[in-house]
Amino acid sequence: MIAGDNETVRDLNARARADRVATGAVQDCGVELSDGTPAGVGDLVVTRHNDRTLATGRGWVKNGDTWTVVGIDRRGALTVARSGRGGNTTLPPEYVRHHVELGYATTAHRAQGQTVDTAHAFISPATQREPLYVMATRGREANLLYVDTAPDFDPEAAHVAGDDVDVLDVLRRVVADSGMARSATQEIADQWAHAHAASTQSAQYATIAAAIERGGSLAQQDPDVRRALDDRADLIRQAAAARASNRAAVRASAPFDPPSPVVTGPEI
């Protein structure tokens, strides 16, 4: 199982363990791990710290290794068997408390480079495009997506109860939300396009026109207001001309093609 954040991973791990305890595959009581969950005999765990002093035959304990718990002593040490490649070792209590977690679920970041038979990915509206790609490509036979369609991440904080959102809408939002850093050149181009868009300039004109209309009656009574409005006559005329031009562009559905921004200074 794969999720985008540590909190969801802890919840999935706890749920998976509870199911295995219910079926008798895992010992109910156990030792508390670094993620706050217990681990008993039969549990799948993962080590999160390289330690060459913990030998496993020809190898040693590595960050990201998965193990099955085969024994627990009274001090809280875990005897574990390495998944897949073989080799047993005993993880000391101090190592267990700080560097061992349940291994039923993992984050997308930690799943990079891994391949499994079937991947189960939990997708929420907060997931971004890059983690989605990782989560949806780990399985060699199947990749299953479980999409959270709840209208609010925190129901207790929601002001209005709403219906579940559509699965495809969530996926479209995730695909459109990239966490990749953008270049300064792209940011400049987007800001220029927004500032010079017909909708932006029309809204600016409407704001100015409304302010002038509100000040009209006041100008009849106050000479200072009249002079201030006269000083802005050029700006008002420019805004009116821009509004007319933008309306014509919108009616003609002319594509908006902003010029390439000029960036001075060292190359980024």
C-alpha atoms as a PDB file:
ATOM      1  CA  MET A   1       0.000   0.000   0.000  1.00  0.00           C
ATOM      2  CA  ILE A   2       1.244   3.468  -0.903  1.00  0.00           C
ATOM      3  CA  ALA A   3       0.096   6.921   0.213  1.00  0.00           C
ATOM      4  CA  GLY A   4       1.313  10.461  -0.168  1.00  0.00           C
ATOM      5  CA  ASP A   5       1.983  11.368   3.475  1.00  0.00           C
ATOM      6  CA  ASN A   6       3.266   9.765   6.683  1.00  0.00           C
ATOM      7  CA  GLU A   7       0.020  10.219   8.621  1.00  0.00           C
ATOM      8  CA  THR A   8      -1.971   8.229   6.064  1.00  0.00           C
ATOM      9  CA  VAL A   9       0.751   5.571   5.964  1.00  0.00           C
ATOM     10  CA  ARG A  10       0.547   5.150   9.760  1.00  0.00           C
ATOM     11  CA  ASP A  11      -3.227   4.784   9.536  1.00  0.00           C
ATOM     12  CA  LEU A  12      -2.980   2.185   6.761  1.00  0.00           C
ATOM     13  CA  ASN A  13      -0.340   0.265   8.709  1.00  0.00           C
ATOM     14  CA  ALA A  14      -2.520   0.227  11.827  1.00  0.00           C
ATOM     15  CA  ARG A  15      -5.553  -0.962   9.843  1.00  0.00           C
ATOM     16  CA  ALA A  16      -3.578  -3.696   8.112  1.00  0.00           C
ATOM     17  CA  ARG A  17      -2.177  -4.934  11.407  1.00  0.00           C
ATOM     18  CA  ALA A  18      -5.615  -4.949  13.029  1.00  0.00           C
ATOM     19  CA  ASP A  19      -6.943  -7.109  10.182  1.00  0.00           C
ATOM     20  CA  ARG A  20      -4.078  -9.563  10.531  1.00  0.00           C
ATOM     21  CA  VAL A  21      -4.523  -9.747  14.301  1.00  0.00           C
ATOM     22  CA  ALA A  22      -8.233 -10.471  13.773  1.00  0.00           C
ATOM     23  CA  THR A  23      -7.400 -13.404  11.488  1.00  0.00           C
ATOM     24  CA  GLY A  24      -4.815 -14.782  13.920  1.00  0.00           C
ATOM     25  CA  ALA A  25      -1.861 -14.219  11.552  1.00  0.00           C
ATOM     26  CA  VAL A  26      -0.180 -11.755  13.931  1.00  0.00           C
ATOM     27  CA  GLN A  27       0.360 -11.729  17.693  1.00  0.00           C
ATOM     28  CA  ASP A  28      -1.868  -9.102  19.326  1.00  0.00           C
ATOM     29  CA  CYS A  29       0.571  -7.751  21.915  1.00  0.00           C
ATOM     30  CA  GLY A  30       3.987  -6.518  20.881  1.00  0.00           C
ATOM     31  CA  VAL A  31       6.747  -3.911  21.097  1.00  0.00           C
ATOM     32  CA  GLU A  32       6.100  -0.231  20.336  1.00  0.00           C
ATOM     33  CA  LEU A  33       7.900   0.982  17.213  1.00  0.00           C
ATOM     34  CA  SER A  34       9.136   4.415  16.168  1.00  0.00           C
ATOM     35  CA  ASP A  35       5.850   5.233  14.402  1.00  0.00           C
ATOM     36  CA  GLY A  36       3.864   4.615  17.594  1.00  0.00           C
ATOM     37  CA  THR A  37       2.355   1.320  16.438  1.00  0.00           C
ATOM     38  CA  PRO A  38       3.045  -2.064  18.075  1.00  0.00           C
ATOM     39  CA  ALA A  39       4.693  -5.008  16.335  1.00  0.00           C
ATOM     40  CA  GLY A  40       4.254  -8.649  17.337  1.00  0.00           C
ATOM     41  CA  VAL A  41       5.326 -12.005  16.016  1.00  0.00           C
ATOM     42  CA  GLY A  42       4.180 -12.322  12.400  1.00  0.00           C
ATOM     43  CA  ASP A  43       4.190  -8.577  11.663  1.00  0.00           C
ATOM     44  CA  LEU A  44       5.902  -7.110   8.618  1.00  0.00           C
ATOM     45  CA  VAL A  45       8.326  -4.317   9.615  1.00  0.00           C
ATOM     46  CA  VAL A  46      10.811  -2.084   7.832  1.00  0.00           C
ATOM     47  CA  THR A  47      14.150  -0.775   9.105  1.00  0.00           C
ATOM     48  CA  ARG A  48      14.862   2.935   8.561  1.00  0.00           C
ATOM     49  CA  HIS A  49      18.554   3.237   9.445  1.00  0.00           C
ATOM     50  CA  ASN A  50      21.763   1.694   8.107  1.00  0.00           C
ATOM     51  CA  ASP A  51      23.666  -0.199  10.804  1.00  0.00           C
ATOM     52  CA  ARG A  52      26.680  -2.296   9.781  1.00  0.00           C
ATOM     53  CA  THR A  53      27.045  -3.622  13.325  1.00  0.00           C
ATOM     54  CA  LEU A  54      23.812  -5.622  12.896  1.00  0.00           C
ATOM     55  CA  ALA A  55      24.958  -8.530  10.742  1.00  0.00           C
ATOM     56  CA  THR A  56      22.623 -10.743   8.701  1.00  0.00           C
ATOM     57  CA  GLY A  57      24.818 -13.544   7.423  1.00  0.00           C
ATOM     58  CA  ARG A  58      26.841 -11.927   4.636  1.00  0.00           C
ATOM     59  CA  GLY A  59      24.906  -8.667   4.821  1.00  0.00           C
ATOM     60  CA  TRP A  60      23.847  -6.061   7.378  1.00  0.00           C
ATOM     61  CA  VAL A  61      20.748  -4.063   8.301  1.00  0.00           C
ATOM     62  CA  LYS A  62      19.943  -1.368   5.740  1.00  0.00           C
ATOM     63  CA  ASN A  63      17.478   1.489   5.477  1.00  0.00           C
ATOM     64  CA  GLY A  64      14.394   0.265   3.604  1.00  0.00           C
ATOM     65  CA  ASP A  65      14.849  -3.464   4.276  1.00  0.00           C
ATOM     66  CA  THR A  66      11.635  -5.326   5.081  1.00  0.00           C
ATOM     67  CA  TRP A  67      11.466  -8.087   7.668  1.00  0.00           C
ATOM     68  CA  THR A  68       9.052 -10.495   9.339  1.00  0.00           C
ATOM     69  CA  VAL A  69       9.098 -10.555  13.136  1.00  0.00           C
ATOM     70  CA  VAL A  70       9.831 -14.089  14.356  1.00  0.00           C
ATOM     71  CA  GLY A  71      10.551 -13.405  18.014  1.00  0.00           C
ATOM     72  CA  ILE A  72      10.406 -10.831  20.832  1.00  0.00           C
ATOM     73  CA  ASP A  73      12.409 -10.849  24.068  1.00  0.00           C
ATOM     74  CA  ARG A  74      11.524  -9.221  27.387  1.00  0.00           C
ATOM     75  CA  ARG A  75      13.827  -6.248  26.764  1.00  0.00           C
ATOM     76  CA  GLY A  76      11.939  -5.258  23.611  1.00  0.00           C
ATOM     77  CA  ALA A  77      14.405  -6.587  21.044  1.00  0.00           C
ATOM     78  CA  LEU A  78      13.005  -8.064  17.831  1.00  0.00           C
ATOM     79  CA  THR A  79      14.314 -11.149  16.075  1.00  0.00           C
ATOM     80  CA  VAL A  80      13.511 -10.658  12.405  1.00  0.00           C
ATOM     81  CA  ALA A  81      13.856 -12.564   9.152  1.00  0.00           C
ATOM     82  CA  ARG A  82      14.681 -10.599   6.009  1.00  0.00           C
ATOM     83  CA  SER A  83      11.949 -10.709   3.352  1.00  0.00           C
ATOM     84  CA  GLY A  84      12.995 -12.157   0.008  1.00  0.00           C
ATOM     85  CA  ARG A  85      16.777 -12.520   0.359  1.00  0.00           C
ATOM     86  CA  GLY A  86      16.953 -14.461   3.621  1.00  0.00           C
ATOM     87  CA  GLY A  87      19.063 -13.811   6.699  1.00  0.00           C
ATOM     88  CA  ASN A  88      18.046 -13.309  10.312  1.00  0.00           C
ATOM     89  CA  THR A  89      19.177 -10.794  12.909  1.00  0.00           C
ATOM     90  CA  THR A  90      18.160  -9.350  16.264  1.00  0.00           C
ATOM     91  CA  LEU A  91      17.323  -5.664  16.403  1.00  0.00           C
ATOM     92  CA  PRO A  92      18.229  -4.133  19.801  1.00  0.00           C
ATOM     93  CA  PRO A  93      15.510  -2.309  21.801  1.00  0.00           C
ATOM     94  CA  GLU A  94      17.104   1.105  21.163  1.00  0.00           C
ATOM     95  CA  TYR A  95      17.155   0.507  17.409  1.00  0.00           C
ATOM     96  CA  VAL A  96      13.561  -0.750  17.473  1.00  0.00           C
ATOM     97  CA  ARG A  97      12.304   2.348  19.312  1.00  0.00           C
ATOM     98  CA  HIS A  98      13.935   4.788  16.886  1.00  0.00           C
ATOM     99  CA  HIS A  99      14.351   3.090  13.501  1.00  0.00           C
ATOM    100  CA  VAL A 100      11.671   0.424  12.950  1.00  0.00           C
ATOM    101  CA  GLU A 101       8.166   0.891  11.511  1.00  0.00           C
ATOM    102  CA  LEU A 102       5.367  -1.367  10.340  1.00  0.00           C
ATOM    103  CA  GLY A 103       5.907  -2.288   6.704  1.00  0.00           C
ATOM    104  CA  TYR A 104       2.438  -2.833   5.257  1.00  0.00           C
ATOM    105  CA  ALA A 105       2.306   0.670   3.741  1.00  0.00           C
ATOM    106  CA  THR A 106       4.834   3.235   2.607  1.00  0.00           C
ATOM    107  CA  THR A 107       5.001   6.755   1.213  1.00  0.00           C
ATOM    108  CA  ALA A 108       5.366   7.470  -2.491  1.00  0.00           C
ATOM    109  CA  HIS A 109       8.784   8.987  -1.819  1.00  0.00           C
ATOM    110  CA  ARG A 110      10.079   5.793  -0.227  1.00  0.00           C
ATOM    111  CA  ALA A 111       8.441   3.617  -2.872  1.00  0.00           C
ATOM    112  CA  GLN A 112      10.519   5.084  -5.697  1.00  0.00           C
ATOM    113  CA  GLY A 113      12.568   2.361  -7.332  1.00  0.00           C
ATOM    114  CA  GLN A 114      10.570  -0.476  -5.765  1.00  0.00           C
ATOM    115  CA  THR A 115       8.643  -3.068  -7.758  1.00  0.00           C
ATOM    116  CA  VAL A 116       5.893  -5.297  -6.338  1.00  0.00           C
ATOM    117  CA  ASP A 117       3.364  -7.699  -7.805  1.00  0.00           C
ATOM    118  CA  THR A 118       0.357  -5.512  -6.935  1.00  0.00           C
ATOM    119  CA  ALA A 119       0.401  -1.899  -5.739  1.00  0.00           C
ATOM    120  CA  HIS A 120      -2.515  -0.370  -3.824  1.00  0.00           C
ATOM    121  CA  ALA A 121      -2.318   3.442  -3.991  1.00  0.00           C
ATOM    122  CA  PHE A 122      -4.415   5.804  -1.858  1.00  0.00           C
ATOM    123  CA  ILE A 123      -5.178   9.023  -3.773  1.00  0.00           C
ATOM    124  CA  SER A 124      -6.684  12.140  -2.185  1.00  0.00           C
ATOM    125  CA  PRO A 125      -7.324  15.648  -3.585  1.00  0.00           C
ATOM    126  CA  ALA A 126      -4.107  16.704  -1.811  1.00  0.00           C
ATOM    127  CA  THR A 127      -1.996  14.273  -3.853  1.00  0.00           C
ATOM    128  CA  GLN A 128       0.211  15.848  -6.510  1.00  0.00           C
ATOM    129  CA  ARG A 129       1.052  14.678 -10.024  1.00  0.00           C
ATOM    130  CA  GLU A 130       4.564  13.393  -9.346  1.00  0.00           C
ATOM    131  CA  PRO A 131       3.673  11.140  -6.356  1.00  0.00           C
ATOM    132  CA  LEU A 132       0.669   9.849  -8.331  1.00  0.00           C
ATOM    133  CA  TYR A 133       2.971   8.689 -11.113  1.00  0.00           C
ATOM    134  CA  VAL A 134       5.178   6.837  -8.616  1.00  0.00           C
ATOM    135  CA  MET A 135       2.242   5.207  -6.835  1.00  0.00           C
ATOM    136  CA  ALA A 136       0.544   4.127 -10.063  1.00  0.00           C
ATOM    137  CA  THR A 137       3.620   2.420 -11.534  1.00  0.00           C
ATOM    138  CA  ARG A 138       5.024   0.205  -8.753  1.00  0.00           C
ATOM    139  CA  GLY A 139       3.061  -2.966  -9.578  1.00  0.00           C
ATOM    140  CA  ARG A 140       4.297  -5.362 -12.255  1.00  0.00           C
ATOM    141  CA  GLU A 141       0.926  -7.152 -12.506  1.00  0.00           C
ATOM    142  CA  ALA A 142      -1.610  -4.594 -11.241  1.00  0.00           C
ATOM    143  CA  ASN A 143      -1.807  -1.038  -9.938  1.00  0.00           C
ATOM    144  CA  LEU A 144      -5.020  -0.245  -8.056  1.00  0.00           C
ATOM    145  CA  LEU A 145      -5.994   3.341  -7.200  1.00  0.00           C
ATOM    146  CA  TYR A 146      -8.252   4.029  -4.194  1.00  0.00           C
ATOM    147  CA  VAL A 147      -9.548   7.600  -4.616  1.00  0.00           C
ATOM    148  CA  ASP A 148     -10.780   9.616  -1.643  1.00  0.00           C
ATOM    149  CA  THR A 149     -13.944  11.440  -2.775  1.00  0.00           C
ATOM    150  CA  ALA A 150     -14.804  13.082   0.552  1.00  0.00           C
ATOM    151  CA  PRO A 151     -15.648  16.784   0.025  1.00  0.00           C
ATOM    152  CA  ASP A 152     -13.405  17.917   2.896  1.00  0.00           C
ATOM    153  CA  PHE A 153     -10.143  16.561   4.288  1.00  0.00           C
ATOM    154  CA  ASP A 154     -11.198  17.299   7.879  1.00  0.00           C
ATOM    155  CA  PRO A 155     -14.946  16.706   8.373  1.00  0.00           C
ATOM    156  CA  GLU A 156     -14.845  18.402  11.796  1.00  0.00           C
ATOM    157  CA  ALA A 157     -13.559  21.615  10.183  1.00  0.00           C
ATOM    158  CA  ALA A 158     -16.041  21.620   7.303  1.00  0.00           C
ATOM    159  CA  HIS A 159     -18.591  24.423   7.442  1.00  0.00           C
ATOM    160  CA  VAL A 160     -21.101  22.847   5.082  1.00  0.00           C
ATOM    161  CA  ALA A 161     -21.703  19.160   4.532  1.00  0.00           C
ATOM    162  CA  GLY A 162     -21.463  18.308   0.854  1.00  0.00           C
ATOM    163  CA  ASP A 163     -21.887  15.357  -1.452  1.00  0.00           C
ATOM    164  CA  ASP A 164     -18.901  13.265  -2.450  1.00  0.00           C
ATOM    165  CA  VAL A 165     -16.969  14.632  -5.386  1.00  0.00           C
ATOM    166  CA  ASP A 166     -16.558  12.689  -8.610  1.00  0.00           C
ATOM    167  CA  VAL A 167     -13.599  10.299  -8.860  1.00  0.00           C
ATOM    168  CA  LEU A 168     -12.533  11.683 -12.231  1.00  0.00           C
ATOM    169  CA  ASP A 169     -12.679  15.233 -10.876  1.00  0.00           C
ATOM    170  CA  VAL A 170     -10.256  14.260  -8.108  1.00  0.00           C
ATOM    171  CA  LEU A 171      -7.889  12.625 -10.584  1.00  0.00           C
ATOM    172  CA  ARG A 172      -8.035  15.644 -12.917  1.00  0.00           C
ATOM    173  CA  ARG A 173      -7.179  17.904  -9.993  1.00  0.00           C
ATOM    174  CA  VAL A 174      -4.253  15.689  -8.980  1.00  0.00           C
ATOM    175  CA  VAL A 175      -2.864  15.524 -12.524  1.00  0.00           C
ATOM    176  CA  ALA A 176      -3.111  19.314 -12.856  1.00  0.00           C
ATOM    177  CA  ASP A 177      -1.323  19.939  -9.536  1.00  0.00           C
ATOM    178  CA  SER A 178       2.417  19.659 -10.077  1.00  0.00           C
ATOM    179  CA  GLY A 179       4.884  20.028  -7.242  1.00  0.00           C
ATOM    180  CA  MET A 180       7.780  20.601  -9.632  1.00  0.00           C
ATOM    181  CA  ALA A 181       9.685  23.857  -9.138  1.00  0.00           C
ATOM    182  CA  ARG A 182       9.019  26.391 -11.917  1.00  0.00           C
ATOM    183  CA  SER A 183      11.665  28.534 -13.557  1.00  0.00           C
ATOM    184  CA  ALA A 184      11.744  32.298 -13.078  1.00  0.00           C
ATOM    185  CA  THR A 185      11.182  32.748 -16.820  1.00  0.00           C
ATOM    186  CA  GLN A 186       7.957  30.715 -16.717  1.00  0.00           C
ATOM    187  CA  GLU A 187       6.715  32.607 -13.661  1.00  0.00           C
ATOM    188  CA  ILE A 188       7.341  35.949 -15.432  1.00  0.00           C
ATOM    189  CA  ALA A 189       5.510  34.787 -18.556  1.00  0.00           C
ATOM    190  CA  ASP A 190       2.493  33.596 -16.549  1.00  0.00           C
ATOM    191  CA  GLN A 191       2.328  36.804 -14.516  1.00  0.00           C
ATOM    192  CA  TRP A 192       2.521  38.908 -17.702  1.00  0.00           C
ATOM    193  CA  ALA A 193      -0.240  36.877 -19.335  1.00  0.00           C
ATOM    194  CA  HIS A 194      -2.490  37.261 -16.298  1.00  0.00           C
ATOM    195  CA  ALA A 195      -1.889  41.010 -15.980  1.00  0.00           C
ATOM    196  CA  HIS A 196      -2.634  41.642 -19.666  1.00  0.00           C
ATOM    197  CA  ALA A 197      -5.520  39.226 -20.083  1.00  0.00           C
ATOM    198  CA  ALA A 198      -8.823  40.692 -21.263  1.00  0.00           C
ATOM    199  CA  SER A 199     -10.606  39.529 -18.140  1.00  0.00           C
ATOM    200  CA  THR A 200      -8.035  41.173 -15.839  1.00  0.00           C
ATOM    201  CA  GLN A 201      -8.047  44.525 -17.633  1.00  0.00           C
ATOM    202  CA  SER A 202     -11.834  44.587 -17.881  1.00  0.00           C
ATOM    203  CA  ALA A 203     -12.080  44.026 -14.141  1.00  0.00           C
ATOM    204  CA  GLN A 204      -9.588  46.840 -13.509  1.00  0.00           C
ATOM    205  CA  TYR A 205     -11.592  49.232 -15.666  1.00  0.00           C
ATOM    206  CA  ALA A 206     -14.836  48.273 -13.911  1.00  0.00           C
ATOM    207  CA  THR A 207     -13.215  49.046 -10.550  1.00  0.00           C
ATOM    208  CA  ILE A 208     -11.961  52.439 -11.717  1.00  0.00           C
ATOM    209  CA  ALA A 209     -15.286  53.333 -13.333  1.00  0.00           C
ATOM    210  CA  ALA A 210     -17.185  52.435 -10.165  1.00  0.00           C
ATOM    211  CA  ALA A 211     -14.850  54.592  -8.084  1.00  0.00           C
ATOM    212  CA  ILE A 212     -15.310  57.535 -10.450  1.00  0.00           C
ATOM    213  CA  GLU A 213     -19.077  57.155 -10.369  1.00  0.00           C
ATOM    214  CA  ARG A 214     -19.078  57.150  -6.583  1.00  0.00           C
ATOM    215  CA  GLY A 215     -16.889  60.246  -6.561  1.00  0.00           C
ATOM    216  CA  GLY A 216     -19.000  62.195  -9.073  1.00  0.00           C
ATOM    217  CA  SER A 217     -21.506  63.600  -6.616  1.00  0.00           C
ATOM    218  CA  LEU A 218     -18.763  64.327  -4.117  1.00  0.00           C
ATOM    219  CA  ALA A 219     -16.800  66.258  -6.755  1.00  0.00           C
ATOM    220  CA  GLN A 220     -19.701  68.678  -7.185  1.00  0.00           C
ATOM    221  CA  GLN A 221     -19.318  69.668  -3.533  1.00  0.00           C
ATOM    222  CA  ASP A 222     -15.543  69.444  -3.030  1.00  0.00           C
ATOM    223  CA  PRO A 223     -13.119  71.201  -5.444  1.00  0.00           C
ATOM    224  CA  ASP A 224     -10.200  69.095  -4.189  1.00  0.00           C
ATOM    225  CA  VAL A 225     -11.953  65.902  -5.292  1.00  0.00           C
ATOM    226  CA  ARG A 226     -12.657  67.481  -8.667  1.00  0.00           C
ATOM    227  CA  ARG A 227      -8.980  68.314  -9.157  1.00  0.00           C
ATOM    228  CA  ALA A 228      -7.936  64.775  -8.158  1.00  0.00           C
ATOM    229  CA  LEU A 229     -10.327  63.294 -10.712  1.00  0.00           C
ATOM    230  CA  ASP A 230      -9.068  65.660 -13.398  1.00  0.00           C
ATOM    231  CA  ASP A 231      -5.497  64.606 -12.683  1.00  0.00           C
ATOM    232  CA  ARG A 232      -6.484  61.006 -13.434  1.00  0.00           C
ATOM    233  CA  ALA A 233      -8.292  61.786 -16.676  1.00  0.00           C
ATOM    234  CA  ASP A 234      -5.572  60.239 -18.823  1.00  0.00           C
ATOM    235  CA  LEU A 235      -5.649  57.015 -16.820  1.00  0.00           C
ATOM    236  CA  ILE A 236      -9.419  56.826 -17.109  1.00  0.00           C
ATOM    237  CA  ARG A 237      -9.314  57.351 -20.878  1.00  0.00           C
ATOM    238  CA  GLN A 238      -6.648  54.663 -21.252  1.00  0.00           C
ATOM    239  CA  ALA A 239      -8.723  52.240 -19.193  1.00  0.00           C
ATOM    240  CA  ALA A 240     -11.816  52.949 -21.317  1.00  0.00           C
ATOM    241  CA  ALA A 241      -9.841  52.362 -24.507  1.00  0.00           C
ATOM    242  CA  ALA A 242      -8.402  49.130 -23.122  1.00  0.00           C
ATOM    243  CA  ARG A 243     -11.876  47.942 -22.181  1.00  0.00           C
ATOM    244  CA  ALA A 244     -13.206  48.582 -25.665  1.00  0.00           C
ATOM    245  CA  SER A 245     -10.227  46.849 -27.233  1.00  0.00           C
ATOM    246  CA  ASN A 246     -10.552  43.872 -24.926  1.00  0.00           C
ATOM    247  CA  ARG A 247     -14.248  43.523 -25.632  1.00  0.00           C
ATOM    248  CA  ALA A 248     -13.513  43.421 -29.354  1.00  0.00           C
ATOM    249  CA  ALA A 249     -10.825  40.795 -28.789  1.00  0.00           C
ATOM    250  CA  VAL A 250     -13.173  38.649 -26.725  1.00  0.00           C
ATOM    251  CA  ARG A 251     -15.922  38.877 -29.350  1.00  0.00           C
ATOM    252  CA  ALA A 252     -13.505  37.881 -32.081  1.00  0.00           C
ATOM    253  CA  SER A 253     -12.146  35.069 -29.862  1.00  0.00           C
ATOM    254  CA  ALA A 254      -8.665  36.177 -30.810  1.00  0.00           C
ATOM    255  CA  PRO A 255      -5.958  34.040 -29.182  1.00  0.00           C
ATOM    256  CA  PHE A 256      -3.833  35.863 -26.628  1.00  0.00           C
ATOM    257  CA  ASP A 257      -0.115  35.475 -27.318  1.00  0.00           C
ATOM    258  CA  PRO A 258       2.009  37.459 -24.841  1.00  0.00           C
ATOM    259  CA  PRO A 259       5.507  38.427 -25.946  1.00  0.00           C
ATOM    260  CA  SER A 260       8.412  36.563 -24.470  1.00  0.00           C
ATOM    261  CA  PRO A 261       9.585  38.322 -21.292  1.00  0.00           C
ATOM    262  CA  VAL A 262      13.038  39.832 -21.257  1.00  0.00           C
ATOM    263  CA  VAL A 263      15.142  38.590 -18.334  1.00  0.00           C
ATOM    264  CA  THR A 264      18.304  40.471 -17.474  1.00  0.00           C
ATOM    265  CA  GLY A 265      21.109  39.324 -15.258  1.00  0.00           C
ATOM    266  CA  PRO A 266      22.782  35.904 -14.996  1.00  0.00           C
ATOM    267  CA  GLU A 267      21.158  32.964 -16.699  1.00  0.00           C
ATOM    268  CA  ILE A 268      18.913  30.919 -14.364  1.00  0.00           C
END
